[in-house]
């Protein structure tokens, strides 16, 4: 399994947003969607603001592959299930990074519905 470089972690983790193109069943990429990304330690995480019903999340679960672009980094990724024992730490990362959006946008990102969709980005 591949790992992120320090430079990739810094650039992606500091990017305000990430563009994710999920893979179709035939392997081609869909049009990218813009979502928030947070770093926890040496890992990167994304969540669906709309919970499990979010269209990009449902597509991500089909093939679990995609391509990201954030902070000048383009990378193929595997979309892995996150360890839900880390939910509180990932919530804290969302609150800290996106505190200027507190309330309206952050609250749904740390709600149980969004926590259930936490995906760990693993470099392919």
PDB file of N, CA and C in Angstrom:
ATOM      1  N   UNK A   1       0.841  -1.175   0.000  1.00  0.00           N
ATOM      2  CA  UNK A   1       0.000   0.000   0.000  1.00  0.00           C
ATOM      3  C   UNK A   1       0.891   1.244   0.000  1.00  0.00           C
ATOM      4  N   UNK A   2       0.558   2.194  -0.799  1.00  0.00           N
ATOM      5  CA  UNK A   2       1.314   3.426  -0.921  1.00  0.00           C
ATOM      6  C   UNK A   2       0.991   4.368   0.243  1.00  0.00           C
ATOM      7  N   UNK A   3       1.898   5.291   0.499  1.00  0.00           N
ATOM      8  CA  UNK A   3       1.671   6.289   1.544  1.00  0.00           C
ATOM      9  C   UNK A   3       1.849   7.684   0.965  1.00  0.00           C
ATOM     10  N   UNK A   4       1.303   8.659   1.666  1.00  0.00           N
ATOM     11  CA  UNK A   4       1.449  10.052   1.264  1.00  0.00           C
ATOM     12  C   UNK A   4       2.850  10.548   1.607  1.00  0.00           C
ATOM     13  N   UNK A   5       3.383  11.417   0.783  1.00  0.00           N
ATOM     14  CA  UNK A   5       4.625  12.090   1.149  1.00  0.00           C
ATOM     15  C   UNK A   5       4.266  13.247   2.082  1.00  0.00           C
ATOM     16  N   UNK A   6       5.225  13.746   2.813  1.00  0.00           N
ATOM     17  CA  UNK A   6       4.989  14.892   3.696  1.00  0.00           C
ATOM     18  C   UNK A   6       4.493  16.081   2.884  1.00  0.00           C
ATOM     19  N   UNK A   7       5.102  16.307   1.719  1.00  0.00           N
ATOM     20  CA  UNK A   7       4.704  17.423   0.851  1.00  0.00           C
ATOM     21  C   UNK A   7       3.243  17.282   0.402  1.00  0.00           C
ATOM     22  N   UNK A   8       2.851  16.070  -0.001  1.00  0.00           N
ATOM     23  CA  UNK A   8       1.459  15.834  -0.412  1.00  0.00           C
ATOM     24  C   UNK A   8       0.497  16.068   0.754  1.00  0.00           C
ATOM     25  N   UNK A   9       0.842  15.531   1.929  1.00  0.00           N
ATOM     26  CA  UNK A   9      -0.010  15.720   3.102  1.00  0.00           C
ATOM     27  C   UNK A   9      -0.179  17.201   3.427  1.00  0.00           C
ATOM     28  N   UNK A  10       0.928  17.938   3.390  1.00  0.00           N
ATOM     29  CA  UNK A  10       0.873  19.369   3.688  1.00  0.00           C
ATOM     30  C   UNK A  10       0.030  20.123   2.667  1.00  0.00           C
ATOM     31  N   UNK A  11       0.267  19.870   1.391  1.00  0.00           N
ATOM     32  CA  UNK A  11      -0.460  20.592   0.354  1.00  0.00           C
ATOM     33  C   UNK A  11      -1.950  20.258   0.349  1.00  0.00           C
ATOM     34  N   UNK A  12      -2.281  18.982   0.414  1.00  0.00           N
ATOM     35  CA  UNK A  12      -3.691  18.577   0.380  1.00  0.00           C
ATOM     36  C   UNK A  12      -4.369  18.967   1.693  1.00  0.00           C
ATOM     37  N   UNK A  13      -3.703  18.712   2.814  1.00  0.00           N
ATOM     38  CA  UNK A  13      -4.272  19.033   4.114  1.00  0.00           C
ATOM     39  C   UNK A  13      -4.531  20.512   4.312  1.00  0.00           C
ATOM     40  N   UNK A  14      -3.715  21.357   3.696  1.00  0.00           N
ATOM     41  CA  UNK A  14      -3.892  22.807   3.818  1.00  0.00           C
ATOM     42  C   UNK A  14      -4.829  23.387   2.771  1.00  0.00           C
ATOM     43  N   UNK A  15      -5.159  22.615   1.752  1.00  0.00           N
ATOM     44  CA  UNK A  15      -6.072  23.107   0.705  1.00  0.00           C
ATOM     45  C   UNK A  15      -7.462  23.300   1.307  1.00  0.00           C
ATOM     46  N   UNK A  16      -8.121  24.369   0.915  1.00  0.00           N
ATOM     47  CA  UNK A  16      -9.463  24.636   1.427  1.00  0.00           C
ATOM     48  C   UNK A  16     -10.464  23.600   0.930  1.00  0.00           C
ATOM     49  N   UNK A  17     -10.267  23.176  -0.306  1.00  0.00           N
ATOM     50  CA  UNK A  17     -11.186  22.209  -0.911  1.00  0.00           C
ATOM     51  C   UNK A  17     -10.411  21.196  -1.735  1.00  0.00           C
ATOM     52  N   UNK A  18     -11.069  20.107  -2.011  1.00  0.00           N
ATOM     53  CA  UNK A  18     -10.503  19.028  -2.805  1.00  0.00           C
ATOM     54  C   UNK A  18     -11.477  18.721  -3.933  1.00  0.00           C
ATOM     55  N   UNK A  19     -10.951  18.398  -5.100  1.00  0.00           N
ATOM     56  CA  UNK A  19     -11.786  17.961  -6.225  1.00  0.00           C
ATOM     57  C   UNK A  19     -11.623  16.446  -6.331  1.00  0.00           C
ATOM     58  N   UNK A  20     -12.745  15.734  -6.308  1.00  0.00           N
ATOM     59  CA  UNK A  20     -12.747  14.275  -6.386  1.00  0.00           C
ATOM     60  C   UNK A  20     -13.526  13.824  -7.603  1.00  0.00           C
ATOM     61  N   UNK A  21     -12.860  13.055  -8.455  1.00  0.00           N
ATOM     62  CA  UNK A  21     -13.523  12.404  -9.589  1.00  0.00           C
ATOM     63  C   UNK A  21     -13.569  10.920  -9.267  1.00  0.00           C
ATOM     64  N   UNK A  22     -14.770  10.395  -9.059  1.00  0.00           N
ATOM     65  CA  UNK A  22     -14.907   8.972  -8.753  1.00  0.00           C
ATOM     66  C   UNK A  22     -14.895   8.162 -10.046  1.00  0.00           C
ATOM     67  N   UNK A  23     -14.493   6.902  -9.915  1.00  0.00           N
ATOM     68  CA  UNK A  23     -14.406   6.015 -11.074  1.00  0.00           C
ATOM     69  C   UNK A  23     -15.763   5.379 -11.375  1.00  0.00           C
ATOM     70  N   UNK A  24     -16.066   5.310 -12.659  1.00  0.00           N
ATOM     71  CA  UNK A  24     -17.261   4.602 -13.119  1.00  0.00           C
ATOM     72  C   UNK A  24     -16.960   3.094 -13.146  1.00  0.00           C
ATOM     73  N   UNK A  25     -17.982   2.272 -13.313  1.00  0.00           N
ATOM     74  CA  UNK A  25     -17.743   0.821 -13.389  1.00  0.00           C
ATOM     75  C   UNK A  25     -16.736   0.429 -14.473  1.00  0.00           C
ATOM     76  N   UNK A  26     -16.668   1.197 -15.566  1.00  0.00           N
ATOM     77  CA  UNK A  26     -15.710   0.869 -16.637  1.00  0.00           C
ATOM     78  C   UNK A  26     -14.324   1.445 -16.377  1.00  0.00           C
ATOM     79  N   UNK A  27     -14.136   2.131 -15.233  1.00  0.00           N
ATOM     80  CA  UNK A  27     -12.835   2.687 -14.884  1.00  0.00           C
ATOM     81  C   UNK A  27     -12.627   4.131 -15.296  1.00  0.00           C
ATOM     82  N   UNK A  28     -13.465   4.653 -16.185  1.00  0.00           N
ATOM     83  CA  UNK A  28     -13.334   6.066 -16.559  1.00  0.00           C
ATOM     84  C   UNK A  28     -13.779   6.933 -15.388  1.00  0.00           C
ATOM     85  N   UNK A  29     -13.340   8.182 -15.389  1.00  0.00           N
ATOM     86  CA  UNK A  29     -13.636   9.072 -14.273  1.00  0.00           C
ATOM     87  C   UNK A  29     -14.853   9.946 -14.550  1.00  0.00           C
ATOM     88  N   UNK A  30     -15.651  10.135 -13.516  1.00  0.00           N
ATOM     89  CA  UNK A  30     -16.782  11.054 -13.590  1.00  0.00           C
ATOM     90  C   UNK A  30     -16.274  12.493 -13.462  1.00  0.00           C
ATOM     91  N   UNK A  31     -17.170  13.427 -13.698  1.00  0.00           N
ATOM     92  CA  UNK A  31     -16.843  14.834 -13.506  1.00  0.00           C
ATOM     93  C   UNK A  31     -16.544  15.066 -12.023  1.00  0.00           C
ATOM     94  N   UNK A  32     -15.491  15.814 -11.699  1.00  0.00           N
ATOM     95  CA  UNK A  32     -15.121  16.007 -10.292  1.00  0.00           C
ATOM     96  C   UNK A  32     -16.155  16.833  -9.525  1.00  0.00           C
ATOM     97  N   UNK A  33     -16.248  16.535  -8.231  1.00  0.00           N
ATOM     98  CA  UNK A  33     -17.048  17.320  -7.299  1.00  0.00           C
ATOM     99  C   UNK A  33     -16.093  17.983  -6.314  1.00  0.00           C
ATOM    100  N   UNK A  34     -16.496  19.116  -5.793  1.00  0.00           N
ATOM    101  CA  UNK A  34     -15.684  19.847  -4.826  1.00  0.00           C
ATOM    102  C   UNK A  34     -16.191  19.538  -3.429  1.00  0.00           C
ATOM    103  N   UNK A  35     -15.284  19.099  -2.557  1.00  0.00           N
ATOM    104  CA  UNK A  35     -15.640  18.747  -1.182  1.00  0.00           C
ATOM    105  C   UNK A  35     -14.532  19.207  -0.240  1.00  0.00           C
ATOM    106  N   UNK A  36     -14.824  19.192   1.035  1.00  0.00           N
ATOM    107  CA  UNK A  36     -13.828  19.520   2.058  1.00  0.00           C
ATOM    108  C   UNK A  36     -12.975  18.302   2.367  1.00  0.00           C
ATOM    109  N   UNK A  37     -11.737  18.567   2.762  1.00  0.00           N
ATOM    110  CA  UNK A  37     -10.798  17.513   3.143  1.00  0.00           C
ATOM    111  C   UNK A  37     -10.101  17.930   4.424  1.00  0.00           C
ATOM    112  N   UNK A  38      -9.873  16.964   5.317  1.00  0.00           N
ATOM    113  CA  UNK A  38      -9.117  17.239   6.533  1.00  0.00           C
ATOM    114  C   UNK A  38      -8.002  16.212   6.691  1.00  0.00           C
ATOM    115  N   UNK A  39      -7.000  16.660   7.412  1.00  0.00           N
ATOM    116  CA  UNK A  39      -5.862  15.795   7.731  1.00  0.00           C
ATOM    117  C   UNK A  39      -5.920  15.442   9.205  1.00  0.00           C
ATOM    118  N   UNK A  40      -5.654  14.182   9.488  1.00  0.00           N
ATOM    119  CA  UNK A  40      -5.489  13.724  10.867  1.00  0.00           C
ATOM    120  C   UNK A  40      -4.236  12.861  10.873  1.00  0.00           C
ATOM    121  N   UNK A  41      -3.191  13.364  11.484  1.00  0.00           N
ATOM    122  CA  UNK A  41      -1.915  12.657  11.474  1.00  0.00           C
ATOM    123  C   UNK A  41      -1.380  12.566  10.055  1.00  0.00           C
ATOM    124  N   UNK A  42      -1.090  11.361   9.614  1.00  0.00           N
ATOM    125  CA  UNK A  42      -0.576  11.138   8.263  1.00  0.00           C
ATOM    126  C   UNK A  42      -1.649  10.616   7.322  1.00  0.00           C
ATOM    127  N   UNK A  43      -2.910  10.917   7.629  1.00  0.00           N
ATOM    128  CA  UNK A  43      -4.030  10.459   6.807  1.00  0.00           C
ATOM    129  C   UNK A  43      -4.927  11.634   6.423  1.00  0.00           C
ATOM    130  N   UNK A  44      -5.644  11.446   5.323  1.00  0.00           N
ATOM    131  CA  UNK A  44      -6.570  12.448   4.800  1.00  0.00           C
ATOM    132  C   UNK A  44      -7.970  11.848   4.744  1.00  0.00           C
ATOM    133  N   UNK A  45      -8.956  12.669   5.092  1.00  0.00           N
ATOM    134  CA  UNK A  45     -10.337  12.197   5.180  1.00  0.00           C
ATOM    135  C   UNK A  45     -11.301  13.145   4.484  1.00  0.00           C
ATOM    136  N   UNK A  46     -12.366  12.554   3.952  1.00  0.00           N
ATOM    137  CA  UNK A  46     -13.464  13.309   3.364  1.00  0.00           C
ATOM    138  C   UNK A  46     -14.775  12.740   3.890  1.00  0.00           C
ATOM    139  N   UNK A  47     -15.819  13.572   3.839  1.00  0.00           N
ATOM    140  CA  UNK A  47     -17.157  13.150   4.265  1.00  0.00           C
ATOM    141  C   UNK A  47     -18.194  13.746   3.339  1.00  0.00           C
ATOM    142  N   UNK A  48     -19.346  13.122   3.334  1.00  0.00           N
ATOM    143  CA  UNK A  48     -20.480  13.632   2.573  1.00  0.00           C
ATOM    144  C   UNK A  48     -21.341  14.520   3.464  1.00  0.00           C
ATOM    145  N   UNK A  49     -21.433  15.784   3.119  1.00  0.00           N
ATOM    146  CA  UNK A  49     -22.265  16.762   3.822  1.00  0.00           C
ATOM    147  C   UNK A  49     -23.715  16.281   3.893  1.00  0.00           C
ATOM    148  N   UNK A  50     -24.147  15.601   2.855  1.00  0.00           N
ATOM    149  CA  UNK A  50     -25.528  15.112   2.785  1.00  0.00           C
ATOM    150  C   UNK A  50     -25.701  13.709   3.375  1.00  0.00           C
ATOM    151  N   UNK A  51     -24.644  13.168   3.948  1.00  0.00           N
ATOM    152  CA  UNK A  51     -24.725  11.830   4.521  1.00  0.00           C
ATOM    153  C   UNK A  51     -24.715  10.764   3.446  1.00  0.00           C
ATOM    154  N   UNK A  52     -25.176   9.556   3.768  1.00  0.00           N
ATOM    155  CA  UNK A  52     -25.132   8.434   2.825  1.00  0.00           C
ATOM    156  C   UNK A  52     -25.929   8.660   1.545  1.00  0.00           C
ATOM    157  N   UNK A  53     -26.863   9.598   1.557  1.00  0.00           N
ATOM    158  CA  UNK A  53     -27.663   9.870   0.362  1.00  0.00           C
ATOM    159  C   UNK A  53     -26.974  10.770  -0.642  1.00  0.00           C
ATOM    160  N   UNK A  54     -25.826  11.340  -0.281  1.00  0.00           N
ATOM    161  CA  UNK A  54     -25.103  12.213  -1.198  1.00  0.00           C
ATOM    162  C   UNK A  54     -24.685  11.465  -2.458  1.00  0.00           C
ATOM    163  N   UNK A  55     -24.919  12.067  -3.613  1.00  0.00           N
ATOM    164  CA  UNK A  55     -24.669  11.360  -4.877  1.00  0.00           C
ATOM    165  C   UNK A  55     -23.198  10.986  -5.056  1.00  0.00           C
ATOM    166  N   UNK A  56     -22.270  11.890  -4.733  1.00  0.00           N
ATOM    167  CA  UNK A  56     -20.859  11.535  -4.928  1.00  0.00           C
ATOM    168  C   UNK A  56     -20.471  10.388  -3.991  1.00  0.00           C
ATOM    169  N   UNK A  57     -21.042  10.362  -2.786  1.00  0.00           N
ATOM    170  CA  UNK A  57     -20.714   9.300  -1.839  1.00  0.00           C
ATOM    171  C   UNK A  57     -21.215   7.948  -2.344  1.00  0.00           C
ATOM    172  N   UNK A  58     -22.428   7.924  -2.848  1.00  0.00           N
ATOM    173  CA  UNK A  58     -22.969   6.661  -3.382  1.00  0.00           C
ATOM    174  C   UNK A  58     -22.097   6.164  -4.528  1.00  0.00           C
ATOM    175  N   UNK A  59     -21.669   7.059  -5.405  1.00  0.00           N
ATOM    176  CA  UNK A  59     -20.803   6.654  -6.531  1.00  0.00           C
ATOM    177  C   UNK A  59     -19.437   6.190  -6.033  1.00  0.00           C
ATOM    178  N   UNK A  60     -18.923   6.853  -5.004  1.00  0.00           N
ATOM    179  CA  UNK A  60     -17.618   6.478  -4.452  1.00  0.00           C
ATOM    180  C   UNK A  60     -17.638   5.057  -3.889  1.00  0.00           C
ATOM    181  N   UNK A  61     -18.763   4.656  -3.343  1.00  0.00           N
ATOM    182  CA  UNK A  61     -18.883   3.326  -2.746  1.00  0.00           C
ATOM    183  C   UNK A  61     -18.961   2.220  -3.807  1.00  0.00           C
ATOM    184  N   UNK A  62     -19.331   2.580  -5.030  1.00  0.00           N
ATOM    185  CA  UNK A  62     -19.462   1.571  -6.087  1.00  0.00           C
ATOM    186  C   UNK A  62     -18.139   0.918  -6.426  1.00  0.00           C
ATOM    187  N   UNK A  63     -17.133   1.712  -6.669  1.00  0.00           N
ATOM    188  CA  UNK A  63     -15.850   1.189  -7.146  1.00  0.00           C
ATOM    189  C   UNK A  63     -14.688   1.473  -6.192  1.00  0.00           C
ATOM    190  N   UNK A  64     -14.850   2.477  -5.320  1.00  0.00           N
ATOM    191  CA  UNK A  64     -13.847   2.834  -4.322  1.00  0.00           C
ATOM    192  C   UNK A  64     -12.521   3.276  -4.933  1.00  0.00           C
ATOM    193  N   UNK A  65     -12.598   3.876  -6.117  1.00  0.00           N
ATOM    194  CA  UNK A  65     -11.404   4.418  -6.762  1.00  0.00           C
ATOM    195  C   UNK A  65     -11.737   5.794  -7.301  1.00  0.00           C
ATOM    196  N   UNK A  66     -10.725   6.628  -7.394  1.00  0.00           N
ATOM    197  CA  UNK A  66     -10.939   7.946  -7.960  1.00  0.00           C
ATOM    198  C   UNK A  66      -9.635   8.691  -8.139  1.00  0.00           C
ATOM    199  N   UNK A  67      -9.768   9.964  -8.450  1.00  0.00           N
ATOM    200  CA  UNK A  67      -8.614  10.845  -8.621  1.00  0.00           C
ATOM    201  C   UNK A  67      -8.928  12.142  -7.900  1.00  0.00           C
ATOM    202  N   UNK A  68      -7.946  12.638  -7.148  1.00  0.00           N
ATOM    203  CA  UNK A  68      -8.142  13.892  -6.436  1.00  0.00           C
ATOM    204  C   UNK A  68      -7.223  14.977  -6.994  1.00  0.00           C
ATOM    205  N   UNK A  69      -7.654  16.193  -6.780  1.00  0.00           N
ATOM    206  CA  UNK A  69      -6.822  17.360  -7.066  1.00  0.00           C
ATOM    207  C   UNK A  69      -7.038  18.338  -5.925  1.00  0.00           C
ATOM    208  N   UNK A  70      -5.935  18.701  -5.247  1.00  0.00           N
ATOM    209  CA  UNK A  70      -5.997  19.672  -4.153  1.00  0.00           C
ATOM    210  C   UNK A  70      -4.599  20.201  -3.884  1.00  0.00           C
ATOM    211  N   UNK A  71      -4.492  21.489  -3.670  1.00  0.00           N
ATOM    212  CA  UNK A  71      -3.207  22.080  -3.313  1.00  0.00           C
ATOM    213  C   UNK A  71      -2.126  21.858  -4.349  1.00  0.00           C
ATOM    214  N   UNK A  72      -2.515  21.699  -5.603  1.00  0.00           N
ATOM    215  CA  UNK A  72      -1.546  21.454  -6.666  1.00  0.00           C
ATOM    216  C   UNK A  72      -1.144  19.997  -6.816  1.00  0.00           C
ATOM    217  N   UNK A  73      -1.763  19.116  -6.059  1.00  0.00           N
ATOM    218  CA  UNK A  73      -1.469  17.680  -6.129  1.00  0.00           C
ATOM    219  C   UNK A  73      -2.590  16.969  -6.876  1.00  0.00           C
ATOM    220  N   UNK A  74      -2.218  16.190  -7.890  1.00  0.00           N
ATOM    221  CA  UNK A  74      -3.145  15.299  -8.596  1.00  0.00           C
ATOM    222  C   UNK A  74      -2.715  13.876  -8.267  1.00  0.00           C
ATOM    223  N   UNK A  75      -3.680  13.062  -7.808  1.00  0.00           N
ATOM    224  CA  UNK A  75      -3.288  11.724  -7.367  1.00  0.00           C
ATOM    225  C   UNK A  75      -4.458  10.757  -7.505  1.00  0.00           C
ATOM    226  N   UNK A  76      -4.156   9.551  -8.014  1.00  0.00           N
ATOM    227  CA  UNK A  76      -5.137   8.475  -7.993  1.00  0.00           C
ATOM    228  C   UNK A  76      -5.224   7.964  -6.556  1.00  0.00           C
ATOM    229  N   UNK A  77      -6.454   7.662  -6.118  1.00  0.00           N
ATOM    230  CA  UNK A  77      -6.654   7.226  -4.735  1.00  0.00           C
ATOM    231  C   UNK A  77      -7.600   6.038  -4.659  1.00  0.00           C
ATOM    232  N   UNK A  78      -7.459   5.320  -3.568  1.00  0.00           N
ATOM    233  CA  UNK A  78      -8.429   4.316  -3.152  1.00  0.00           C
ATOM    234  C   UNK A  78      -9.263   4.976  -2.060  1.00  0.00           C
ATOM    235  N   UNK A  79     -10.560   4.743  -2.097  1.00  0.00           N
ATOM    236  CA  UNK A  79     -11.491   5.340  -1.143  1.00  0.00           C
ATOM    237  C   UNK A  79     -11.837   4.270  -0.108  1.00  0.00           C
ATOM    238  N   UNK A  80     -11.118   4.291   1.014  1.00  0.00           N
ATOM    239  CA  UNK A  80     -11.215   3.243   2.025  1.00  0.00           C
ATOM    240  C   UNK A  80     -12.177   3.644   3.142  1.00  0.00           C
ATOM    241  N   UNK A  81     -12.744   2.640   3.792  1.00  0.00           N
ATOM    242  CA  UNK A  81     -13.562   2.905   4.968  1.00  0.00           C
ATOM    243  C   UNK A  81     -12.674   3.464   6.069  1.00  0.00           C
ATOM    244  N   UNK A  82     -13.176   4.468   6.758  1.00  0.00           N
ATOM    245  CA  UNK A  82     -12.427   5.065   7.864  1.00  0.00           C
ATOM    246  C   UNK A  82     -12.685   4.278   9.141  1.00  0.00           C
ATOM    247  N   UNK A  83     -11.756   4.373  10.052  1.00  0.00           N
ATOM    248  CA  UNK A  83     -11.905   3.795  11.383  1.00  0.00           C
ATOM    249  C   UNK A  83     -12.797   4.742  12.188  1.00  0.00           C
ATOM    250  N   UNK A  84     -13.991   4.305  12.515  1.00  0.00           N
ATOM    251  CA  UNK A  84     -14.928   5.188  13.209  1.00  0.00           C
ATOM    252  C   UNK A  84     -14.549   5.439  14.663  1.00  0.00           C
ATOM    253  N   UNK A  85     -13.509   4.783  15.152  1.00  0.00           N
ATOM    254  CA  UNK A  85     -12.971   5.143  16.459  1.00  0.00           C
ATOM    255  C   UNK A  85     -12.294   6.510  16.413  1.00  0.00           C
ATOM    256  N   UNK A  86     -12.047   7.006  15.202  1.00  0.00           N
ATOM    257  CA  UNK A  86     -11.407   8.315  15.018  1.00  0.00           C
ATOM    258  C   UNK A  86     -12.419   9.439  14.773  1.00  0.00           C
ATOM    259  N   UNK A  87     -13.696   9.141  14.823  1.00  0.00           N
ATOM    260  CA  UNK A  87     -14.711  10.154  14.499  1.00  0.00           C
ATOM    261  C   UNK A  87     -14.535  11.449  15.287  1.00  0.00           C
ATOM    262  N   UNK A  88     -14.284  11.358  16.579  1.00  0.00           N
ATOM    263  CA  UNK A  88     -14.139  12.570  17.393  1.00  0.00           C
ATOM    264  C   UNK A  88     -12.937  13.402  16.945  1.00  0.00           C
ATOM    265  N   UNK A  89     -11.822  12.740  16.620  1.00  0.00           N
ATOM    266  CA  UNK A  89     -10.632  13.458  16.172  1.00  0.00           C
ATOM    267  C   UNK A  89     -10.850  14.089  14.792  1.00  0.00           C
ATOM    268  N   UNK A  90     -11.551  13.367  13.921  1.00  0.00           N
ATOM    269  CA  UNK A  90     -11.840  13.906  12.584  1.00  0.00           C
ATOM    270  C   UNK A  90     -12.837  15.059  12.698  1.00  0.00           C
ATOM    271  N   UNK A  91     -13.817  14.935  13.597  1.00  0.00           N
ATOM    272  CA  UNK A  91     -14.729  16.057  13.865  1.00  0.00           C
ATOM    273  C   UNK A  91     -13.931  17.292  14.286  1.00  0.00           C
ATOM    274  N   UNK A  92     -12.982  17.098  15.210  1.00  0.00           N
ATOM    275  CA  UNK A  92     -12.166  18.212  15.693  1.00  0.00           C
ATOM    276  C   UNK A  92     -11.368  18.835  14.551  1.00  0.00           C
ATOM    277  N   UNK A  93     -10.883  18.006  13.629  1.00  0.00           N
ATOM    278  CA  UNK A  93     -10.140  18.534  12.475  1.00  0.00           C
ATOM    279  C   UNK A  93     -11.052  19.385  11.591  1.00  0.00           C
ATOM    280  N   UNK A  94     -12.285  18.936  11.365  1.00  0.00           N
ATOM    281  CA  UNK A  94     -13.241  19.734  10.587  1.00  0.00           C
ATOM    282  C   UNK A  94     -13.547  21.055  11.290  1.00  0.00           C
ATOM    283  N   UNK A  95     -13.797  21.001  12.598  1.00  0.00           N
ATOM    284  CA  UNK A  95     -14.128  22.219  13.344  1.00  0.00           C
ATOM    285  C   UNK A  95     -12.974  23.220  13.310  1.00  0.00           C
ATOM    286  N   UNK A  96     -11.755  22.736  13.459  1.00  0.00           N
ATOM    287  CA  UNK A  96     -10.594  23.624  13.470  1.00  0.00           C
ATOM    288  C   UNK A  96     -10.328  24.223  12.092  1.00  0.00           C
ATOM    289  N   UNK A  97     -10.330  23.385  11.082  1.00  0.00           N
ATOM    290  CA  UNK A  97      -9.984  23.858   9.738  1.00  0.00           C
ATOM    291  C   UNK A  97     -11.050  24.777   9.154  1.00  0.00           C
ATOM    292  N   UNK A  98     -12.296  24.468   9.393  1.00  0.00           N
ATOM    293  CA  UNK A  98     -13.393  25.205   8.762  1.00  0.00           C
ATOM    294  C   UNK A  98     -14.181  26.054   9.760  1.00  0.00           C
ATOM    295  N   UNK A  99     -13.525  26.495  10.834  1.00  0.00           N
ATOM    296  CA  UNK A  99     -14.226  27.244  11.887  1.00  0.00           C
ATOM    297  C   UNK A  99     -14.901  28.515  11.374  1.00  0.00           C
ATOM    298  N   UNK A 100     -14.400  29.104  10.311  1.00  0.00           N
ATOM    299  CA  UNK A 100     -15.037  30.311   9.757  1.00  0.00           C
ATOM    300  C   UNK A 100     -16.418  29.996   9.167  1.00  0.00           C
ATOM    301  N   UNK A 101     -16.696  28.707   8.964  1.00  0.00           N
ATOM    302  CA  UNK A 101     -18.002  28.272   8.452  1.00  0.00           C
ATOM    303  C   UNK A 101     -18.839  27.617   9.554  1.00  0.00           C
ATOM    304  N   UNK A 102     -18.456  27.847  10.813  1.00  0.00           N
ATOM    305  CA  UNK A 102     -19.134  27.142  11.904  1.00  0.00           C
ATOM    306  C   UNK A 102     -20.637  27.380  11.859  1.00  0.00           C
ATOM    307  N   UNK A 103     -21.336  26.388  12.340  1.00  0.00           N
ATOM    308  CA  UNK A 103     -22.795  26.453  12.334  1.00  0.00           C
ATOM    309  C   UNK A 103     -23.364  25.887  11.058  1.00  0.00           C
ATOM    310  N   UNK A 104     -23.643  26.733  10.110  1.00  0.00           N
ATOM    311  CA  UNK A 104     -24.350  26.360   8.887  1.00  0.00           C
ATOM    312  C   UNK A 104     -23.733  25.176   8.157  1.00  0.00           C
ATOM    313  N   UNK A 105     -22.424  25.171   7.988  1.00  0.00           N
ATOM    314  CA  UNK A 105     -21.787  24.115   7.196  1.00  0.00           C
ATOM    315  C   UNK A 105     -21.031  23.088   8.044  1.00  0.00           C
ATOM    316  N   UNK A 106     -20.405  23.535   9.107  1.00  0.00           N
ATOM    317  CA  UNK A 106     -19.605  22.611   9.906  1.00  0.00           C
ATOM    318  C   UNK A 106     -20.487  21.654  10.699  1.00  0.00           C
ATOM    319  N   UNK A 107     -21.570  22.153  11.288  1.00  0.00           N
ATOM    320  CA  UNK A 107     -22.420  21.285  12.106  1.00  0.00           C
ATOM    321  C   UNK A 107     -22.883  20.035  11.350  1.00  0.00           C
ATOM    322  N   UNK A 108     -23.358  20.158  10.105  1.00  0.00           N
ATOM    323  CA  UNK A 108     -23.739  18.939   9.379  1.00  0.00           C
ATOM    324  C   UNK A 108     -22.550  18.013   9.087  1.00  0.00           C
ATOM    325  N   UNK A 109     -21.343  18.573   8.970  1.00  0.00           N
ATOM    326  CA  UNK A 109     -20.166  17.750   8.668  1.00  0.00           C
ATOM    327  C   UNK A 109     -19.699  16.931   9.863  1.00  0.00           C
ATOM    328  N   UNK A 110     -20.130  17.306  11.062  1.00  0.00           N
ATOM    329  CA  UNK A 110     -19.726  16.557  12.252  1.00  0.00           C
ATOM    330  C   UNK A 110     -20.919  15.827  12.882  1.00  0.00           C
ATOM    331  N   UNK A 111     -22.044  15.830  12.201  1.00  0.00           N
ATOM    332  CA  UNK A 111     -23.233  15.125  12.669  1.00  0.00           C
ATOM    333  C   UNK A 111     -23.085  13.626  12.377  1.00  0.00           C
ATOM    334  N   UNK A 112     -23.801  12.778  13.113  1.00  0.00           N
ATOM    335  CA  UNK A 112     -23.698  11.324  12.903  1.00  0.00           C
ATOM    336  C   UNK A 112     -23.930  10.889  11.455  1.00  0.00           C
ATOM    337  N   UNK A 113     -24.828  11.558  10.748  1.00  0.00           N
ATOM    338  CA  UNK A 113     -25.106  11.196   9.355  1.00  0.00           C
ATOM    339  C   UNK A 113     -23.857  11.356   8.491  1.00  0.00           C
ATOM    340  N   UNK A 114     -23.113  12.439   8.681  1.00  0.00           N
ATOM    341  CA  UNK A 114     -21.879  12.649   7.918  1.00  0.00           C
ATOM    342  C   UNK A 114     -20.753  11.753   8.434  1.00  0.00           C
ATOM    343  N   UNK A 115     -20.675  11.585   9.745  1.00  0.00           N
ATOM    344  CA  UNK A 115     -19.644  10.703  10.307  1.00  0.00           C
ATOM    345  C   UNK A 115     -19.704   9.323   9.674  1.00  0.00           C
ATOM    346  N   UNK A 116     -20.912   8.849   9.417  1.00  0.00           N
ATOM    347  CA  UNK A 116     -21.104   7.517   8.833  1.00  0.00           C
ATOM    348  C   UNK A 116     -20.507   7.403   7.436  1.00  0.00           C
ATOM    349  N   UNK A 117     -20.211   8.538   6.802  1.00  0.00           N
ATOM    350  CA  UNK A 117     -19.691   8.513   5.429  1.00  0.00           C
ATOM    351  C   UNK A 117     -18.207   8.807   5.353  1.00  0.00           C
ATOM    352  N   UNK A 118     -17.526   8.838   6.472  1.00  0.00           N
ATOM    353  CA  UNK A 118     -16.109   9.207   6.478  1.00  0.00           C
ATOM    354  C   UNK A 118     -15.295   8.221   5.648  1.00  0.00           C
ATOM    355  N   UNK A 119     -14.543   8.783   4.720  1.00  0.00           N
ATOM    356  CA  UNK A 119     -13.694   8.003   3.813  1.00  0.00           C
ATOM    357  C   UNK A 119     -12.249   8.425   4.015  1.00  0.00           C
ATOM    358  N   UNK A 120     -11.385   7.446   4.117  1.00  0.00           N
ATOM    359  CA  UNK A 120      -9.942   7.683   4.186  1.00  0.00           C
ATOM    360  C   UNK A 120      -9.400   7.630   2.763  1.00  0.00           C
ATOM    361  N   UNK A 121      -8.667   8.652   2.382  1.00  0.00           N
ATOM    362  CA  UNK A 121      -8.040   8.684   1.051  1.00  0.00           C
ATOM    363  C   UNK A 121      -6.682   7.984   1.138  1.00  0.00           C
ATOM    364  N   UNK A 122      -6.496   6.971   0.324  1.00  0.00           N
ATOM    365  CA  UNK A 122      -5.250   6.200   0.313  1.00  0.00           C
ATOM    366  C   UNK A 122      -4.645   6.341  -1.077  1.00  0.00           C
ATOM    367  N   UNK A 123      -3.383   6.796  -1.169  1.00  0.00           N
ATOM    368  CA  UNK A 123      -2.777   6.922  -2.488  1.00  0.00           C
ATOM    369  C   UNK A 123      -2.705   5.580  -3.197  1.00  0.00           C
ATOM    370  N   UNK A 124      -3.059   5.570  -4.465  1.00  0.00           N
ATOM    371  CA  UNK A 124      -3.066   4.315  -5.232  1.00  0.00           C
ATOM    372  C   UNK A 124      -1.669   4.004  -5.749  1.00  0.00           C
TER     373      UNK A 124
END
